[in-house]
Amino acid sequence: MDGQNYLVFHTAADDSYMNSTANFKGADVTSNTEITMYFGSASAQAAFGYDSVVLTITAGTEVAVMEALAAACAGAKNPVTVIADDINSTYVHDSITACSTISVATEKARRKVVTTTPSGDGSSGSPTVTITASDSGTTYFVDINANTAYMKLPAAAAGLFYTFILAAGSEGEATKDFAIGTNDAAEDIIGVGLDGAAVHKTGVSASTLTFDTSDAGGDGSGVDAGDRISVVSDGSDWYIEDCMTAATAVLESS
């Protein structure tokens, strides 16, 4: 074929899958009776997705099976290696008992999004949402129609990044605010943002950035849905990647 080794799977439900060892990304013991193998997607339409195959194994044999899978991927002499074949009951290791599930990516990976409507008032600086490091990369759609939202960032760590966008329900809000704050007063939110026609600089000693809706437009006309801010950490502080509001005079830092 093209000099690569290929791995083949057949389930008892007449579902089959093949991919090259070059696309093999790794395997994970997902339970004491299952190992999941991951592959770069076989579909060009899902270039950023991944495929997975779940193998059912005898409980307690995950070490031996994992090593057998590694050997099959790395040193197979036959260019085509059947890992699991339920139809003919053929398996690369005696402790594999079934090819349980084959999942093929059908679309590109999506960005993680969370919609949040504060149930309490964050105007006192009490976080309405406390963000964790594991939430990195999330886009938050924030609805401040009923309450002020205060999003507390996790401790600064290099590479953490988040985006915040005012949701549709926030359109025209002129009494409830939106704020993001650092985990520690010693950590700052550094950079510039555009509010209306003005550039706002936070300086190097601001640990909170607020969209003050009562000042929006200078006449209390409120903020606009889609106003946004994105921040990324260098490990010590947070830096503004993107910040824009339609109304003027809405950005405040402290």
Protein backbone atom coordinates (compact mmCIF):
# COMPACT_ATOMS: atom_id res chain seq x y z
CA MET A 1 0.00 0.00 0.00
CA ASP A 2 2.12 2.95 1.21
CA GLY A 3 4.54 1.28 3.61
CA GLN A 4 2.42 1.94 6.70
CA ASN A 5 0.90 -0.58 9.07
CA TYR A 6 -2.88 -0.68 9.29
CA LEU A 7 -5.11 -1.70 12.19
CA VAL A 8 -8.48 -3.34 11.57
CA PHE A 9 -11.50 -3.70 13.85
CA HIS A 10 -14.82 -5.56 13.35
CA THR A 11 -17.75 -5.49 15.78
CA ALA A 12 -20.43 -8.15 16.09
CA ALA A 13 -22.89 -5.54 14.79
CA ASP A 14 -21.28 -5.59 11.32
CA ASP A 15 -19.44 -2.33 11.89
CA SER A 16 -15.81 -2.17 10.76
CA TYR A 17 -13.02 0.35 11.05
CA MET A 18 -9.46 0.67 9.71
CA ASN A 19 -6.79 3.30 10.30
CA SER A 20 -3.02 3.49 10.06
CA THR A 21 -0.64 3.23 12.96
CA ALA A 22 0.62 6.67 11.89
CA ASN A 23 -2.74 8.06 13.03
CA PHE A 24 -2.74 6.19 16.33
CA LYS A 25 -2.73 8.77 19.15
CA GLY A 26 -2.73 6.55 22.22
CA ALA A 27 -4.92 4.37 24.41
CA ASP A 28 -6.59 4.78 27.77
CA VAL A 29 -7.89 2.30 30.35
CA THR A 30 -11.42 3.68 30.64
CA SER A 31 -12.50 0.97 33.10
CA ASN A 32 -11.11 -2.33 34.38
CA THR A 33 -12.89 -4.06 31.49
CA GLU A 34 -12.35 -1.50 28.73
CA ILE A 35 -9.50 0.09 26.82
CA THR A 36 -10.20 2.95 24.40
CA MET A 37 -7.88 3.50 21.43
CA TYR A 38 -7.75 6.95 19.80
CA PHE A 39 -6.88 7.84 16.22
CA GLY A 40 -6.55 10.94 14.13
CA SER A 41 -9.83 11.08 12.23
CA ALA A 42 -10.11 9.00 9.09
CA SER A 43 -12.41 11.68 7.66
CA ALA A 44 -10.95 14.73 5.95
CA GLN A 45 -14.07 16.59 7.06
CA ALA A 46 -13.11 16.08 10.68
CA ALA A 47 -9.51 17.20 10.55
CA PHE A 48 -9.59 18.42 14.14
CA GLY A 49 -11.68 15.58 15.54
CA TYR A 50 -10.66 12.08 16.53
CA ASP A 51 -11.96 8.53 16.15
CA SER A 52 -12.10 6.00 18.96
CA VAL A 53 -12.49 2.24 19.32
CA VAL A 54 -13.47 0.69 22.64
CA LEU A 55 -12.15 -2.78 23.34
CA THR A 56 -13.75 -5.01 25.97
CA ILE A 57 -11.14 -6.89 27.98
CA THR A 58 -10.99 -9.40 30.79
CA ALA A 59 -10.98 -7.58 34.13
CA GLY A 60 -7.52 -7.06 35.55
CA THR A 61 -5.62 -7.69 32.29
CA GLU A 62 -5.27 -4.08 31.18
CA VAL A 63 -1.47 -4.06 31.59
CA ALA A 64 -0.94 -7.07 29.35
CA VAL A 65 -3.44 -5.86 26.77
CA MET A 66 -1.96 -2.37 26.67
CA GLU A 67 1.49 -3.82 26.05
CA ALA A 68 0.12 -6.10 23.34
CA LEU A 69 -1.50 -3.12 21.62
CA ALA A 70 1.78 -1.22 21.76
CA ALA A 71 3.61 -4.16 20.24
CA ALA A 72 1.01 -4.53 17.50
CA CYS A 73 1.27 -0.84 16.60
CA ALA A 74 5.04 -0.60 16.77
CA GLY A 75 6.32 -3.91 15.49
CA ALA A 76 3.75 -5.67 13.35
CA LYS A 77 5.44 -7.55 10.49
CA ASN A 78 2.17 -7.86 8.62
CA PRO A 79 1.10 -4.49 7.14
CA VAL A 80 -2.47 -5.26 8.24
CA THR A 81 -3.04 -6.25 11.88
CA VAL A 82 -6.47 -7.34 13.09
CA ILE A 83 -6.79 -5.93 16.59
CA ALA A 84 -10.32 -7.17 17.29
CA ASP A 85 -12.65 -9.22 15.10
CA ASP A 86 -15.91 -10.22 16.78
CA ILE A 87 -17.12 -12.01 13.67
CA ASN A 88 -14.29 -14.53 13.65
CA SER A 89 -13.42 -14.21 17.35
CA THR A 90 -9.89 -13.11 16.48
CA TYR A 91 -8.05 -10.76 18.83
CA VAL A 92 -4.51 -9.50 19.12
CA HIS A 93 -4.47 -10.63 22.76
CA ASP A 94 -6.36 -13.43 24.51
CA SER A 95 -7.75 -11.04 27.12
CA ILE A 96 -9.56 -8.92 24.53
CA THR A 97 -13.08 -10.33 24.44
CA ALA A 98 -14.92 -7.91 22.14
CA CYS A 99 -14.75 -4.84 19.96
CA SER A 100 -17.36 -2.88 21.84
CA THR A 101 -17.84 0.50 20.15
CA ILE A 102 -16.45 2.30 17.12
CA SER A 103 -16.93 6.08 17.11
CA VAL A 104 -15.95 8.12 14.08
CA ALA A 105 -15.68 11.90 14.18
CA THR A 106 -18.11 13.51 11.76
CA GLU A 107 -17.28 17.14 12.28
CA LYS A 108 -14.52 19.45 13.37
CA ALA A 109 -13.99 19.89 17.08
CA ARG A 110 -16.19 22.55 18.62
CA ARG A 111 -15.18 25.23 21.07
CA LYS A 112 -16.44 24.64 24.59
CA VAL A 113 -19.14 27.17 25.48
CA VAL A 114 -21.01 27.84 28.72
CA THR A 115 -24.04 30.12 29.14
CA THR A 116 -24.30 31.64 32.60
CA THR A 117 -27.14 33.65 34.13
CA PRO A 118 -26.13 34.72 37.66
CA SER A 119 -28.61 33.60 40.29
CA GLY A 120 -27.05 35.95 42.84
CA ASP A 121 -25.74 39.50 42.80
CA GLY A 122 -22.02 39.79 42.18
CA SER A 123 -21.86 43.53 42.76
CA SER A 124 -20.25 43.06 46.19
CA GLY A 125 -17.32 41.22 44.64
CA SER A 126 -18.68 37.80 45.55
CA PRO A 127 -18.06 35.55 42.54
CA THR A 128 -21.16 34.41 40.70
CA VAL A 129 -18.90 31.94 38.85
CA THR A 130 -15.51 30.71 40.06
CA ILE A 131 -13.57 29.51 37.03
CA THR A 132 -11.09 26.64 37.26
CA ALA A 133 -7.94 25.86 35.32
CA SER A 134 -9.72 22.89 33.72
CA ASP A 135 -12.14 25.38 32.13
CA SER A 136 -9.32 26.86 30.05
CA GLY A 137 -10.40 27.59 26.48
CA THR A 138 -14.06 28.05 27.42
CA THR A 139 -16.18 30.84 25.95
CA TYR A 140 -18.71 32.14 28.47
CA PHE A 141 -21.95 33.76 27.27
CA VAL A 142 -22.96 35.94 30.20
CA ASP A 143 -26.53 37.20 30.71
CA ILE A 144 -26.64 40.13 33.13
CA ASN A 145 -30.30 41.01 32.63
CA ALA A 146 -31.24 40.00 36.20
CA ASN A 147 -28.02 40.25 38.21
CA THR A 148 -24.51 41.62 38.11
CA ALA A 149 -22.05 38.92 37.07
CA TYR A 150 -18.63 38.60 38.66
CA MET A 151 -16.41 35.93 37.11
CA LYS A 152 -13.40 34.98 39.23
CA LEU A 153 -10.38 33.72 37.30
CA PRO A 154 -8.24 30.84 38.63
CA ALA A 155 -4.68 31.33 39.82
CA ALA A 156 -2.54 32.56 36.94
CA ALA A 157 -0.83 29.73 35.04
CA ALA A 158 0.92 29.97 31.70
CA GLY A 159 -1.40 29.21 28.79
CA LEU A 160 -4.77 29.47 30.53
CA PHE A 161 -7.22 31.47 28.40
CA TYR A 162 -10.90 32.42 28.50
CA THR A 163 -13.40 34.48 26.48
CA PHE A 164 -16.44 36.29 27.87
CA ILE A 165 -19.30 37.58 25.69
CA LEU A 166 -22.44 39.38 26.86
CA ALA A 167 -25.39 37.21 25.82
CA ALA A 168 -28.53 38.41 24.02
CA GLY A 169 -30.39 38.96 27.31
CA SER A 170 -27.84 41.61 28.27
CA GLU A 171 -28.85 43.94 25.42
CA GLY A 172 -29.51 47.46 26.72
CA GLU A 173 -28.84 46.55 30.37
CA ALA A 174 -28.05 49.77 32.28
CA THR A 175 -28.15 48.75 35.96
CA LYS A 176 -26.41 45.37 36.20
CA ASP A 177 -22.67 45.09 35.50
CA PHE A 178 -20.22 42.44 34.32
CA ALA A 179 -16.78 42.02 35.89
CA ILE A 180 -13.87 39.60 35.81
CA GLY A 181 -11.34 39.48 38.62
CA THR A 182 -8.07 37.71 39.34
CA ASN A 183 -7.63 35.01 41.95
CA ASP A 184 -5.13 37.15 43.86
CA ALA A 185 -4.77 40.93 44.17
CA ALA A 186 -1.09 40.52 43.26
CA GLU A 187 -2.16 39.25 39.83
CA ASP A 188 -3.13 41.90 37.31
CA ILE A 189 -5.21 42.17 34.15
CA ILE A 190 -2.94 44.02 31.75
CA GLY A 191 -3.69 45.47 28.35
CA VAL A 192 -6.05 47.66 26.38
CA GLY A 193 -9.64 47.47 25.26
CA LEU A 194 -11.79 49.45 22.88
CA ASP A 195 -15.03 50.87 24.24
CA GLY A 196 -16.91 52.70 21.57
CA ALA A 197 -14.41 55.09 20.01
CA ALA A 198 -12.01 55.21 22.95
CA VAL A 199 -9.03 53.04 23.89
CA HIS A 200 -8.98 52.06 27.56
CA LYS A 201 -5.72 51.00 29.19
CA THR A 202 -5.88 48.91 32.37
CA GLY A 203 -2.35 49.70 33.49
CA VAL A 204 -0.26 47.20 35.45
CA SER A 205 -2.02 47.24 38.81
CA ALA A 206 -5.62 46.32 37.98
CA SER A 207 -6.98 43.04 39.32
CA THR A 208 -10.56 43.66 38.17
CA LEU A 209 -12.03 44.76 34.85
CA THR A 210 -15.67 45.86 34.80
CA PHE A 211 -18.23 46.65 32.11
CA ASP A 212 -20.04 49.42 34.04
CA THR A 213 -23.41 49.50 32.30
CA SER A 214 -24.65 52.68 33.99
CA ASP A 215 -21.82 54.60 32.32
CA ALA A 216 -22.33 52.99 28.91
CA GLY A 217 -22.55 55.56 26.18
CA GLY A 218 -22.12 58.27 28.78
CA ASP A 219 -25.89 58.49 29.09
CA GLY A 220 -26.80 55.27 30.85
CA SER A 221 -28.18 53.72 27.67
CA GLY A 222 -26.72 50.35 28.57
CA VAL A 223 -24.43 47.76 27.06
CA ASP A 224 -24.83 45.70 23.93
CA ALA A 225 -25.09 41.97 23.44
CA GLY A 226 -21.83 40.79 21.93
CA ASP A 227 -19.58 43.06 23.99
CA ARG A 228 -16.60 40.85 24.79
CA ILE A 229 -13.24 40.31 26.43
CA SER A 230 -10.64 37.54 26.09
CA VAL A 231 -7.72 37.05 28.48
CA VAL A 232 -4.66 34.79 28.56
CA SER A 233 -2.13 34.18 31.35
CA ASP A 234 1.67 34.21 31.13
CA GLY A 235 1.90 32.44 34.48
CA SER A 236 2.13 35.57 36.61
CA ASP A 237 -0.61 37.90 35.33
CA TRP A 238 -3.45 38.05 32.80
CA TYR A 239 -3.26 39.87 29.46
CA ILE A 240 -6.13 41.16 27.35
CA GLU A 241 -6.15 39.53 23.91
CA ASP A 242 -9.37 41.13 22.72
CA CYS A 243 -11.74 43.56 24.39
CA MET A 244 -14.50 45.52 22.70
CA THR A 245 -17.77 47.17 23.68
CA ALA A 246 -20.12 49.10 21.41
CA ALA A 247 -20.86 51.83 23.95
CA THR A 248 -18.29 54.38 25.08
CA ALA A 249 -17.07 54.92 28.66
CA VAL A 250 -18.09 51.41 29.74
CA LEU A 251 -14.69 49.91 30.64
CA GLU A 252 -13.37 50.40 34.15
CA SER A 253 -10.40 48.80 35.90
CA SER A 254 -9.47 48.67 39.56
